[in-house]
Amino acid sequence: MRTLLLTRHAKSSWDDPRQSDFDRPLNARGERDAPAMAERFMRRGLPPPLLVSSTARRAWQTAQAFASALAIPERDIVPVPKAYHAVEDTLLDIVHALPDSATTVMLFGHNPGISGFAHVLCGATGEMATCHTVCLGLDVPRWADVGRGAGRLLWEDFPKLH
């Protein structure tokens, strides 16, 4: 079995209207929520995942918070530029390209694509909140075998649950 964790970036700042969307950082709430959610993830006792992230600043900062909590060097986070505002089919392409040696992967992305992708894989409904993680079990031998409906929702967590 493979485990895929889909994580929407933490809350971002809109303070500077001149700043490009790609370069928007986390705001104070995002800077607080990302490490807290990473700690909650760590307490679940899952094996350290391969971290794969959009290269947009807010997603990368969220991935960094998880890497720090899990004692994963930042250099080991896999940057995936095409994950920035990716649609479901693009996210599926990203998953298909994952190394089969990694059985647990956490993918950091953006709405609406990340929420849509969770729905495509397991029928999860609704929009994922900021710093929301959906954990899916996939009974496939290779990442290339993941397809629509292949996932089973194991759990989900987000800041406002606590």
C-alpha atoms as a PDB file:
ATOM      1  CA  MET A   1       0.000   0.000   0.000  1.00  0.00           C
ATOM      2  CA  ARG A   2       1.088   3.572  -0.712  1.00  0.00           C
ATOM      3  CA  THR A   3       0.126   6.616   1.300  1.00  0.00           C
ATOM      4  CA  LEU A   4      -0.473   9.978  -0.343  1.00  0.00           C
ATOM      5  CA  LEU A   5      -0.928  13.056   1.807  1.00  0.00           C
ATOM      6  CA  LEU A   6      -2.372  16.067   0.021  1.00  0.00           C
ATOM      7  CA  THR A   7      -1.697  19.295   1.908  1.00  0.00           C
ATOM      8  CA  ARG A   8      -2.943  22.741   1.017  1.00  0.00           C
ATOM      9  CA  HIS A   9      -0.504  25.499   1.920  1.00  0.00           C
ATOM     10  CA  ALA A  10      -1.023  27.409   5.162  1.00  0.00           C
ATOM     11  CA  LYS A  11      -2.740  30.821   5.251  1.00  0.00           C
ATOM     12  CA  SER A  12      -0.967  33.387   3.097  1.00  0.00           C
ATOM     13  CA  SER A  13      -0.597  37.136   3.245  1.00  0.00           C
ATOM     14  CA  TRP A  14      -2.365  39.633   1.023  1.00  0.00           C
ATOM     15  CA  ASP A  15      -0.672  42.632   2.676  1.00  0.00           C
ATOM     16  CA  ASP A  16       1.244  43.811  -0.397  1.00  0.00           C
ATOM     17  CA  PRO A  17      -1.066  44.251  -3.411  1.00  0.00           C
ATOM     18  CA  ARG A  18       1.978  44.730  -5.667  1.00  0.00           C
ATOM     19  CA  GLN A  19       3.368  41.315  -4.818  1.00  0.00           C
ATOM     20  CA  SER A  20       2.836  38.552  -7.353  1.00  0.00           C
ATOM     21  CA  ASP A  21       0.578  35.692  -6.325  1.00  0.00           C
ATOM     22  CA  PHE A  22       3.496  33.268  -6.697  1.00  0.00           C
ATOM     23  CA  ASP A  23       5.612  35.238  -4.200  1.00  0.00           C
ATOM     24  CA  ARG A  24       3.007  35.697  -1.461  1.00  0.00           C
ATOM     25  CA  PRO A  25       4.395  34.487   1.899  1.00  0.00           C
ATOM     26  CA  LEU A  26       2.573  32.980   4.837  1.00  0.00           C
ATOM     27  CA  ASN A  27       0.856  35.433   7.137  1.00  0.00           C
ATOM     28  CA  ALA A  28       1.092  35.273  10.945  1.00  0.00           C
ATOM     29  CA  ARG A  29      -1.671  32.650  11.162  1.00  0.00           C
ATOM     30  CA  GLY A  30       0.019  30.542   8.484  1.00  0.00           C
ATOM     31  CA  GLU A  31       3.360  30.804  10.273  1.00  0.00           C
ATOM     32  CA  ARG A  32       1.627  29.547  13.428  1.00  0.00           C
ATOM     33  CA  ASP A  33      -0.540  26.850  11.799  1.00  0.00           C
ATOM     34  CA  ALA A  34       2.087  25.168   9.614  1.00  0.00           C
ATOM     35  CA  PRO A  35       4.415  24.104  12.470  1.00  0.00           C
ATOM     36  CA  ALA A  36       1.442  23.149  14.652  1.00  0.00           C
ATOM     37  CA  MET A  37      -0.026  20.932  11.936  1.00  0.00           C
ATOM     38  CA  ALA A  38       3.411  19.446  11.266  1.00  0.00           C
ATOM     39  CA  GLU A  39       3.691  18.553  14.956  1.00  0.00           C
ATOM     40  CA  ARG A  40       0.249  16.939  14.894  1.00  0.00           C
ATOM     41  CA  PHE A  41       1.264  14.968  11.812  1.00  0.00           C
ATOM     42  CA  MET A  42       4.473  13.834  13.508  1.00  0.00           C
ATOM     43  CA  ARG A  43       2.503  12.539  16.515  1.00  0.00           C
ATOM     44  CA  ARG A  44       0.588  10.177  14.197  1.00  0.00           C
ATOM     45  CA  GLY A  45       3.747   8.079  13.970  1.00  0.00           C
ATOM     46  CA  LEU A  46       3.733   7.642  10.202  1.00  0.00           C
ATOM     47  CA  PRO A  47       7.042   7.072   8.461  1.00  0.00           C
ATOM     48  CA  PRO A  48       8.657  10.299   7.265  1.00  0.00           C
ATOM     49  CA  PRO A  49       7.172  11.077   3.875  1.00  0.00           C
ATOM     50  CA  LEU A  50       8.895  12.253   0.759  1.00  0.00           C
ATOM     51  CA  LEU A  51       7.973  15.945   0.666  1.00  0.00           C
ATOM     52  CA  VAL A  52       6.997  17.281  -2.771  1.00  0.00           C
ATOM     53  CA  SER A  53       5.982  20.916  -3.114  1.00  0.00           C
ATOM     54  CA  SER A  54       4.820  23.639  -5.408  1.00  0.00           C
ATOM     55  CA  THR A  55       7.577  26.219  -5.683  1.00  0.00           C
ATOM     56  CA  ALA A  56       5.237  29.091  -4.817  1.00  0.00           C
ATOM     57  CA  ARG A  57       6.532  30.772  -1.681  1.00  0.00           C
ATOM     58  CA  ARG A  58       3.545  29.971   0.589  1.00  0.00           C
ATOM     59  CA  ALA A  59       3.528  26.273  -0.351  1.00  0.00           C
ATOM     60  CA  TRP A  60       7.304  26.015   0.013  1.00  0.00           C
ATOM     61  CA  GLN A  61       7.175  27.670   3.453  1.00  0.00           C
ATOM     62  CA  THR A  62       4.504  25.174   4.523  1.00  0.00           C
ATOM     63  CA  ALA A  63       6.667  22.290   3.293  1.00  0.00           C
ATOM     64  CA  GLN A  64       9.643  23.768   5.172  1.00  0.00           C
ATOM     65  CA  ALA A  65       7.636  23.768   8.420  1.00  0.00           C
ATOM     66  CA  PHE A  66       6.822  20.078   7.957  1.00  0.00           C
ATOM     67  CA  ALA A  67      10.424  19.279   7.028  1.00  0.00           C
ATOM     68  CA  SER A  68      11.664  21.024  10.163  1.00  0.00           C
ATOM     69  CA  ALA A  69       9.251  19.154  12.452  1.00  0.00           C
ATOM     70  CA  LEU A  70      10.129  15.832  10.807  1.00  0.00           C
ATOM     71  CA  ALA A  71      13.908  16.497  10.837  1.00  0.00           C
ATOM     72  CA  ILE A  72      14.013  16.306   7.039  1.00  0.00           C
ATOM     73  CA  PRO A  73      16.658  18.581   5.499  1.00  0.00           C
ATOM     74  CA  GLU A  74      15.137  21.328   3.352  1.00  0.00           C
ATOM     75  CA  ARG A  75      17.357  20.193   0.472  1.00  0.00           C
ATOM     76  CA  ASP A  76      15.362  16.932   0.447  1.00  0.00           C
ATOM     77  CA  ILE A  77      12.064  18.679  -0.359  1.00  0.00           C
ATOM     78  CA  VAL A  78      11.357  17.980  -4.035  1.00  0.00           C
ATOM     79  CA  PRO A  79      10.450  21.217  -5.864  1.00  0.00           C
ATOM     80  CA  VAL A  80       7.754  20.802  -8.515  1.00  0.00           C
ATOM     81  CA  PRO A  81       7.106  24.101 -10.331  1.00  0.00           C
ATOM     82  CA  LYS A  82       4.119  22.736 -12.252  1.00  0.00           C
ATOM     83  CA  ALA A  83       2.301  22.068  -8.947  1.00  0.00           C
ATOM     84  CA  TYR A  84       1.635  25.821  -8.683  1.00  0.00           C
ATOM     85  CA  HIS A  85      -2.126  26.172  -9.257  1.00  0.00           C
ATOM     86  CA  ALA A  86      -2.140  22.763 -10.906  1.00  0.00           C
ATOM     87  CA  VAL A  87      -5.390  21.180 -12.042  1.00  0.00           C
ATOM     88  CA  GLU A  88      -6.287  17.597 -11.201  1.00  0.00           C
ATOM     89  CA  ASP A  89      -4.736  16.047 -14.330  1.00  0.00           C
ATOM     90  CA  THR A  90      -1.440  17.845 -13.721  1.00  0.00           C
ATOM     91  CA  LEU A  91      -1.387  16.656 -10.110  1.00  0.00           C
ATOM     92  CA  LEU A  92      -2.017  13.121 -11.335  1.00  0.00           C
ATOM     93  CA  ASP A  93       0.954  13.479 -13.717  1.00  0.00           C
ATOM     94  CA  ILE A  94       3.093  14.588 -10.755  1.00  0.00           C
ATOM     95  CA  VAL A  95       1.998  11.538  -8.751  1.00  0.00           C
ATOM     96  CA  HIS A  96       2.686   9.214 -11.689  1.00  0.00           C
ATOM     97  CA  ALA A  97       6.273  10.522 -11.799  1.00  0.00           C
ATOM     98  CA  LEU A  98       6.981   9.882  -8.096  1.00  0.00           C
ATOM     99  CA  PRO A  99       9.772   7.425  -7.326  1.00  0.00           C
ATOM    100  CA  ASP A 100       8.386   4.008  -6.431  1.00  0.00           C
ATOM    101  CA  SER A 101      10.977   3.741  -3.659  1.00  0.00           C
ATOM    102  CA  ALA A 102       8.909   6.306  -1.709  1.00  0.00           C
ATOM    103  CA  THR A 103       5.826   4.613  -0.295  1.00  0.00           C
ATOM    104  CA  THR A 104       4.636   7.672   1.653  1.00  0.00           C
ATOM    105  CA  VAL A 105       4.504  11.067  -0.082  1.00  0.00           C
ATOM    106  CA  MET A 106       3.200  14.454   1.052  1.00  0.00           C
ATOM    107  CA  LEU A 107       2.302  16.826  -1.789  1.00  0.00           C
ATOM    108  CA  PHE A 108       1.925  20.550  -0.967  1.00  0.00           C
ATOM    109  CA  GLY A 109      -0.292  22.492  -3.332  1.00  0.00           C
ATOM    110  CA  HIS A 110      -3.042  25.020  -3.887  1.00  0.00           C
ATOM    111  CA  ASN A 111      -6.789  25.266  -4.218  1.00  0.00           C
ATOM    112  CA  PRO A 112      -8.875  24.631  -6.154  1.00  0.00           C
ATOM    113  CA  GLY A 113      -6.668  21.907  -7.675  1.00  0.00           C
ATOM    114  CA  ILE A 114      -5.603  20.122  -4.488  1.00  0.00           C
ATOM    115  CA  SER A 115      -9.218  19.858  -3.266  1.00  0.00           C
ATOM    116  CA  GLY A 116     -10.365  18.701  -6.679  1.00  0.00           C
ATOM    117  CA  PHE A 117      -7.591  16.119  -6.755  1.00  0.00           C
ATOM    118  CA  ALA A 118      -8.676  14.707  -3.376  1.00  0.00           C
ATOM    119  CA  HIS A 119     -12.181  14.414  -4.788  1.00  0.00           C
ATOM    120  CA  VAL A 120     -10.943  12.698  -7.967  1.00  0.00           C
ATOM    121  CA  LEU A 121      -8.893  10.163  -5.991  1.00  0.00           C
ATOM    122  CA  CYS A 122     -11.303   9.255  -3.193  1.00  0.00           C
ATOM    123  CA  GLY A 123     -14.530  11.205  -3.533  1.00  0.00           C
ATOM    124  CA  ALA A 124     -13.632  13.632  -0.735  1.00  0.00           C
ATOM    125  CA  THR A 125     -15.924  16.600  -1.072  1.00  0.00           C
ATOM    126  CA  GLY A 126     -15.601  20.227  -0.236  1.00  0.00           C
ATOM    127  CA  GLU A 127     -12.811  22.725  -0.357  1.00  0.00           C
ATOM    128  CA  MET A 128      -9.739  21.996   1.724  1.00  0.00           C
ATOM    129  CA  ALA A 129      -9.005  24.718   4.277  1.00  0.00           C
ATOM    130  CA  THR A 130      -5.570  26.274   4.542  1.00  0.00           C
ATOM    131  CA  CYS A 131      -3.005  23.862   6.020  1.00  0.00           C
ATOM    132  CA  HIS A 132      -5.514  21.025   5.555  1.00  0.00           C
ATOM    133  CA  THR A 133      -4.112  17.540   4.997  1.00  0.00           C
ATOM    134  CA  VAL A 134      -6.027  14.649   3.485  1.00  0.00           C
ATOM    135  CA  CYS A 135      -4.394  11.224   3.936  1.00  0.00           C
ATOM    136  CA  LEU A 136      -5.194   8.641   1.274  1.00  0.00           C
ATOM    137  CA  GLY A 137      -4.402   4.957   1.161  1.00  0.00           C
ATOM    138  CA  LEU A 138      -3.676   3.661  -2.336  1.00  0.00           C
ATOM    139  CA  ASP A 139      -3.618  -0.067  -3.027  1.00  0.00           C
ATOM    140  CA  VAL A 140      -1.313   0.154  -6.042  1.00  0.00           C
ATOM    141  CA  PRO A 141       2.139  -1.336  -6.621  1.00  0.00           C
ATOM    142  CA  ARG A 142       3.511   1.751  -8.405  1.00  0.00           C
ATOM    143  CA  TRP A 143       2.724   5.457  -8.393  1.00  0.00           C
ATOM    144  CA  ALA A 144       2.133   5.209 -12.129  1.00  0.00           C
ATOM    145  CA  ASP A 145      -0.875   2.978 -11.349  1.00  0.00           C
ATOM    146  CA  VAL A 146      -2.748   5.671  -9.398  1.00  0.00           C
ATOM    147  CA  GLY A 147      -5.963   6.668 -11.122  1.00  0.00           C
ATOM    148  CA  ARG A 148      -9.303   8.245 -10.496  1.00  0.00           C
ATOM    149  CA  GLY A 149     -11.079   6.609  -7.576  1.00  0.00           C
ATOM    150  CA  ALA A 150      -7.952   4.700  -6.515  1.00  0.00           C
ATOM    151  CA  GLY A 151      -7.706   6.290  -3.066  1.00  0.00           C
ATOM    152  CA  ARG A 152      -9.330   5.523   0.238  1.00  0.00           C
ATOM    153  CA  LEU A 153      -9.646   8.372   2.741  1.00  0.00           C
ATOM    154  CA  LEU A 154      -7.767   7.344   5.889  1.00  0.00           C
ATOM    155  CA  TRP A 155      -7.990  10.627   7.787  1.00  0.00           C
ATOM    156  CA  GLU A 156      -7.907  14.373   7.410  1.00  0.00           C
ATOM    157  CA  ASP A 157      -6.796  17.199   9.664  1.00  0.00           C
ATOM    158  CA  PHE A 158      -6.817  20.987   9.562  1.00  0.00           C
ATOM    159  CA  PRO A 159      -6.228  23.783  12.089  1.00  0.00           C
ATOM    160  CA  LYS A 160      -9.847  24.581  12.913  1.00  0.00           C
ATOM    161  CA  LEU A 161     -10.520  20.967  13.931  1.00  0.00           C
ATOM    162  CA  HIS A 162      -8.606  21.665  17.152  1.00  0.00           C
END
